[in-house]
PDB file of N, CA and C in Angstrom:
ATOM      1  N   UNK A   1     -16.501  33.514  12.545  1.00  0.00           N
ATOM      2  CA  UNK A   1     -17.288  33.203  11.366  1.00  0.00           C
ATOM      3  C   UNK A   1     -16.911  34.144  10.220  1.00  0.00           C
ATOM      4  N   UNK A   2     -16.718  33.559   9.027  1.00  0.00           N
ATOM      5  CA  UNK A   2     -16.399  34.365   7.853  1.00  0.00           C
ATOM      6  C   UNK A   2     -17.638  35.115   7.393  1.00  0.00           C
ATOM      7  N   UNK A   3     -17.429  36.283   6.825  1.00  0.00           N
ATOM      8  CA  UNK A   3     -18.554  37.073   6.332  1.00  0.00           C
ATOM      9  C   UNK A   3     -18.665  37.040   4.814  1.00  0.00           C
ATOM     10  N   UNK A   4     -17.628  36.544   4.136  1.00  0.00           N
ATOM     11  CA  UNK A   4     -17.682  36.419   2.681  1.00  0.00           C
ATOM     12  C   UNK A   4     -17.124  35.063   2.287  1.00  0.00           C
ATOM     13  N   UNK A   5     -17.598  34.483   1.183  1.00  0.00           N
ATOM     14  CA  UNK A   5     -17.060  33.210   0.726  1.00  0.00           C
ATOM     15  C   UNK A   5     -15.698  33.395   0.062  1.00  0.00           C
ATOM     16  N   UNK A   6     -14.898  32.359   0.109  1.00  0.00           N
ATOM     17  CA  UNK A   6     -13.580  32.388  -0.515  1.00  0.00           C
ATOM     18  C   UNK A   6     -13.529  31.295  -1.575  1.00  0.00           C
ATOM     19  N   UNK A   7     -13.251  31.694  -2.809  1.00  0.00           N
ATOM     20  CA  UNK A   7     -13.143  30.783  -3.937  1.00  0.00           C
ATOM     21  C   UNK A   7     -11.695  30.794  -4.411  1.00  0.00           C
ATOM     22  N   UNK A   8     -11.032  29.659  -4.277  1.00  0.00           N
ATOM     23  CA  UNK A   8      -9.632  29.557  -4.692  1.00  0.00           C
ATOM     24  C   UNK A   8      -9.556  29.349  -6.202  1.00  0.00           C
ATOM     25  N   UNK A   9      -8.720  30.140  -6.861  1.00  0.00           N
ATOM     26  CA  UNK A   9      -8.443  29.972  -8.287  1.00  0.00           C
ATOM     27  C   UNK A   9      -6.963  29.667  -8.421  1.00  0.00           C
ATOM     28  N   UNK A  10      -6.634  28.526  -8.996  1.00  0.00           N
ATOM     29  CA  UNK A  10      -5.245  28.121  -9.062  1.00  0.00           C
ATOM     30  C   UNK A  10      -4.946  27.346 -10.332  1.00  0.00           C
ATOM     31  N   UNK A  11      -3.687  27.271 -10.686  1.00  0.00           N
ATOM     32  CA  UNK A  11      -3.254  26.465 -11.815  1.00  0.00           C
ATOM     33  C   UNK A  11      -2.888  25.049 -11.356  1.00  0.00           C
ATOM     34  N   UNK A  12      -2.914  24.811 -10.053  1.00  0.00           N
ATOM     35  CA  UNK A  12      -2.543  23.503  -9.512  1.00  0.00           C
ATOM     36  C   UNK A  12      -3.757  22.587  -9.475  1.00  0.00           C
ATOM     37  N   UNK A  13      -3.731  21.536 -10.296  1.00  0.00           N
ATOM     38  CA  UNK A  13      -4.869  20.622 -10.398  1.00  0.00           C
ATOM     39  C   UNK A  13      -4.701  19.383  -9.527  1.00  0.00           C
ATOM     40  N   UNK A  14      -3.631  19.311  -8.772  1.00  0.00           N
ATOM     41  CA  UNK A  14      -3.383  18.137  -7.931  1.00  0.00           C
ATOM     42  C   UNK A  14      -4.356  18.093  -6.753  1.00  0.00           C
ATOM     43  N   UNK A  15      -4.781  16.902  -6.391  1.00  0.00           N
ATOM     44  CA  UNK A  15      -5.727  16.722  -5.291  1.00  0.00           C
ATOM     45  C   UNK A  15      -5.197  17.308  -3.986  1.00  0.00           C
ATOM     46  N   UNK A  16      -3.916  17.167  -3.730  1.00  0.00           N
ATOM     47  CA  UNK A  16      -3.368  17.689  -2.469  1.00  0.00           C
ATOM     48  C   UNK A  16      -3.474  19.208  -2.397  1.00  0.00           C
ATOM     49  N   UNK A  17      -3.378  19.883  -3.545  1.00  0.00           N
ATOM     50  CA  UNK A  17      -3.526  21.335  -3.562  1.00  0.00           C
ATOM     51  C   UNK A  17      -4.969  21.743  -3.269  1.00  0.00           C
ATOM     52  N   UNK A  18      -5.916  20.978  -3.782  1.00  0.00           N
ATOM     53  CA  UNK A  18      -7.327  21.233  -3.494  1.00  0.00           C
ATOM     54  C   UNK A  18      -7.586  21.079  -1.999  1.00  0.00           C
ATOM     55  N   UNK A  19      -7.047  20.025  -1.421  1.00  0.00           N
ATOM     56  CA  UNK A  19      -7.221  19.797   0.017  1.00  0.00           C
ATOM     57  C   UNK A  19      -6.580  20.911   0.837  1.00  0.00           C
ATOM     58  N   UNK A  20      -5.420  21.374   0.408  1.00  0.00           N
ATOM     59  CA  UNK A  20      -4.754  22.474   1.120  1.00  0.00           C
ATOM     60  C   UNK A  20      -5.591  23.742   1.082  1.00  0.00           C
ATOM     61  N   UNK A  21      -6.253  23.997  -0.032  1.00  0.00           N
ATOM     62  CA  UNK A  21      -7.107  25.187  -0.143  1.00  0.00           C
ATOM     63  C   UNK A  21      -8.253  25.100   0.855  1.00  0.00           C
ATOM     64  N   UNK A  22      -8.889  23.941   0.950  1.00  0.00           N
ATOM     65  CA  UNK A  22      -9.993  23.778   1.897  1.00  0.00           C
ATOM     66  C   UNK A  22      -9.502  23.856   3.342  1.00  0.00           C
ATOM     67  N   UNK A  23      -8.335  23.292   3.611  1.00  0.00           N
ATOM     68  CA  UNK A  23      -7.765  23.375   4.961  1.00  0.00           C
ATOM     69  C   UNK A  23      -7.450  24.818   5.346  1.00  0.00           C
ATOM     70  N   UNK A  24      -7.134  25.633   4.344  1.00  0.00           N
ATOM     71  CA  UNK A  24      -6.815  27.039   4.593  1.00  0.00           C
ATOM     72  C   UNK A  24      -8.069  27.897   4.762  1.00  0.00           C
ATOM     73  N   UNK A  25      -9.250  27.298   4.551  1.00  0.00           N
ATOM     74  CA  UNK A  25     -10.486  28.029   4.773  1.00  0.00           C
ATOM     75  C   UNK A  25     -11.267  28.403   3.529  1.00  0.00           C
ATOM     76  N   UNK A  26     -10.823  27.939   2.377  1.00  0.00           N
ATOM     77  CA  UNK A  26     -11.565  28.238   1.150  1.00  0.00           C
ATOM     78  C   UNK A  26     -12.878  27.462   1.132  1.00  0.00           C
ATOM     79  N   UNK A  27     -13.878  28.052   0.490  1.00  0.00           N
ATOM     80  CA  UNK A  27     -15.181  27.414   0.383  1.00  0.00           C
ATOM     81  C   UNK A  27     -15.318  26.578  -0.886  1.00  0.00           C
ATOM     82  N   UNK A  28     -14.544  26.912  -1.887  1.00  0.00           N
ATOM     83  CA  UNK A  28     -14.554  26.137  -3.122  1.00  0.00           C
ATOM     84  C   UNK A  28     -13.237  26.358  -3.841  1.00  0.00           C
ATOM     85  N   UNK A  29     -13.033  25.600  -4.900  1.00  0.00           N
ATOM     86  CA  UNK A  29     -11.745  25.523  -5.572  1.00  0.00           C
ATOM     87  C   UNK A  29     -11.993  25.359  -7.067  1.00  0.00           C
ATOM     88  N   UNK A  30     -11.356  26.171  -7.882  1.00  0.00           N
ATOM     89  CA  UNK A  30     -11.441  26.044  -9.335  1.00  0.00           C
ATOM     90  C   UNK A  30     -10.029  26.096  -9.918  1.00  0.00           C
ATOM     91  N   UNK A  31      -9.824  25.286 -10.974  1.00  0.00           N
ATOM     92  CA  UNK A  31      -8.522  25.210 -11.622  1.00  0.00           C
ATOM     93  C   UNK A  31      -8.531  26.065 -12.883  1.00  0.00           C
ATOM     94  N   UNK A  32      -7.478  26.875 -13.029  1.00  0.00           N
ATOM     95  CA  UNK A  32      -7.333  27.720 -14.218  1.00  0.00           C
ATOM     96  C   UNK A  32      -6.827  26.876 -15.385  1.00  0.00           C
ATOM     97  N   UNK A  33      -7.146  27.226 -16.597  1.00  0.00           N
ATOM     98  CA  UNK A  33      -7.956  28.376 -16.972  1.00  0.00           C
ATOM     99  C   UNK A  33      -9.425  28.119 -16.641  1.00  0.00           C
ATOM    100  N   UNK A  34     -10.075  29.149 -16.148  1.00  0.00           N
ATOM    101  CA  UNK A  34     -11.456  29.050 -15.709  1.00  0.00           C
ATOM    102  C   UNK A  34     -12.368  29.664 -16.766  1.00  0.00           C
ATOM    103  N   UNK A  35     -13.409  28.942 -17.101  1.00  0.00           N
ATOM    104  CA  UNK A  35     -14.437  29.462 -17.993  1.00  0.00           C
ATOM    105  C   UNK A  35     -15.185  30.565 -17.248  1.00  0.00           C
ATOM    106  N   UNK A  36     -15.354  31.708 -17.861  1.00  0.00           N
ATOM    107  CA  UNK A  36     -15.981  32.858 -17.207  1.00  0.00           C
ATOM    108  C   UNK A  36     -17.381  32.533 -16.698  1.00  0.00           C
ATOM    109  N   UNK A  37     -18.184  31.853 -17.502  1.00  0.00           N
ATOM    110  CA  UNK A  37     -19.545  31.528 -17.071  1.00  0.00           C
ATOM    111  C   UNK A  37     -19.533  30.561 -15.888  1.00  0.00           C
ATOM    112  N   UNK A  38     -18.609  29.624 -15.875  1.00  0.00           N
ATOM    113  CA  UNK A  38     -18.497  28.698 -14.745  1.00  0.00           C
ATOM    114  C   UNK A  38     -18.072  29.448 -13.483  1.00  0.00           C
ATOM    115  N   UNK A  39     -17.160  30.397 -13.620  1.00  0.00           N
ATOM    116  CA  UNK A  39     -16.717  31.205 -12.488  1.00  0.00           C
ATOM    117  C   UNK A  39     -17.878  32.033 -11.930  1.00  0.00           C
ATOM    118  N   UNK A  40     -18.623  32.676 -12.804  1.00  0.00           N
ATOM    119  CA  UNK A  40     -19.759  33.478 -12.357  1.00  0.00           C
ATOM    120  C   UNK A  40     -20.827  32.610 -11.695  1.00  0.00           C
ATOM    121  N   UNK A  41     -21.077  31.439 -12.237  1.00  0.00           N
ATOM    122  CA  UNK A  41     -22.071  30.531 -11.651  1.00  0.00           C
ATOM    123  C   UNK A  41     -21.635  30.072 -10.272  1.00  0.00           C
ATOM    124  N   UNK A  42     -20.364  29.752 -10.123  1.00  0.00           N
ATOM    125  CA  UNK A  42     -19.860  29.306  -8.824  1.00  0.00           C
ATOM    126  C   UNK A  42     -19.887  30.446  -7.804  1.00  0.00           C
ATOM    127  N   UNK A  43     -19.527  31.636  -8.231  1.00  0.00           N
ATOM    128  CA  UNK A  43     -19.572  32.800  -7.340  1.00  0.00           C
ATOM    129  C   UNK A  43     -21.006  33.064  -6.891  1.00  0.00           C
ATOM    130  N   UNK A  44     -21.950  32.972  -7.810  1.00  0.00           N
ATOM    131  CA  UNK A  44     -23.359  33.178  -7.460  1.00  0.00           C
ATOM    132  C   UNK A  44     -23.830  32.126  -6.460  1.00  0.00           C
ATOM    133  N   UNK A  45     -23.443  30.883  -6.682  1.00  0.00           N
ATOM    134  CA  UNK A  45     -23.819  29.794  -5.776  1.00  0.00           C
ATOM    135  C   UNK A  45     -23.290  30.053  -4.362  1.00  0.00           C
ATOM    136  N   UNK A  46     -22.030  30.443  -4.271  1.00  0.00           N
ATOM    137  CA  UNK A  46     -21.439  30.709  -2.953  1.00  0.00           C
ATOM    138  C   UNK A  46     -22.088  31.907  -2.274  1.00  0.00           C
ATOM    139  N   UNK A  47     -22.349  32.965  -3.043  1.00  0.00           N
ATOM    140  CA  UNK A  47     -22.986  34.144  -2.471  1.00  0.00           C
ATOM    141  C   UNK A  47     -24.403  33.846  -1.985  1.00  0.00           C
ATOM    142  N   UNK A  48     -25.139  33.035  -2.732  1.00  0.00           N
ATOM    143  CA  UNK A  48     -26.479  32.640  -2.299  1.00  0.00           C
ATOM    144  C   UNK A  48     -26.416  31.818  -1.017  1.00  0.00           C
ATOM    145  N   UNK A  49     -25.450  30.925  -0.932  1.00  0.00           N
ATOM    146  CA  UNK A  49     -25.284  30.113   0.271  1.00  0.00           C
ATOM    147  C   UNK A  49     -24.993  30.982   1.474  1.00  0.00           C
ATOM    148  N   UNK A  50     -24.066  31.918   1.324  1.00  0.00           N
ATOM    149  CA  UNK A  50     -23.707  32.796   2.434  1.00  0.00           C
ATOM    150  C   UNK A  50     -24.841  33.745   2.812  1.00  0.00           C
ATOM    151  N   UNK A  51     -25.575  34.214   1.799  1.00  0.00           N
ATOM    152  CA  UNK A  51     -26.687  35.119   2.067  1.00  0.00           C
ATOM    153  C   UNK A  51     -27.802  34.400   2.822  1.00  0.00           C
ATOM    154  N   UNK A  52     -28.097  33.174   2.435  1.00  0.00           N
ATOM    155  CA  UNK A  52     -29.169  32.427   3.101  1.00  0.00           C
ATOM    156  C   UNK A  52     -28.780  32.041   4.519  1.00  0.00           C
ATOM    157  N   UNK A  53     -27.496  31.849   4.801  1.00  0.00           N
ATOM    158  CA  UNK A  53     -27.038  31.515   6.149  1.00  0.00           C
ATOM    159  C   UNK A  53     -27.062  32.732   7.056  1.00  0.00           C
ATOM    160  N   UNK A  54     -26.936  33.913   6.481  1.00  0.00           N
ATOM    161  CA  UNK A  54     -26.887  35.137   7.282  1.00  0.00           C
ATOM    162  C   UNK A  54     -28.272  35.558   7.778  1.00  0.00           C
ATOM    163  N   UNK A  55     -29.286  35.070   7.108  1.00  0.00           N
ATOM    164  CA  UNK A  55     -30.664  35.468   7.475  1.00  0.00           C
ATOM    165  C   UNK A  55     -31.167  34.648   8.648  1.00  0.00           C
TER     166      UNK A  55
END
């Protein structure tokens, strides 16, 4: 079991690249350039999910 979430940040917007990220174990995927507020919101969402599962 993973102890931290993994958020993939990439310049590859192709669907196959997104699928490869998830197959590799990433929890979410964002395409660069990434808006800072969107990145922070997604990181918070993933951290909340992982924190609630750990309890």
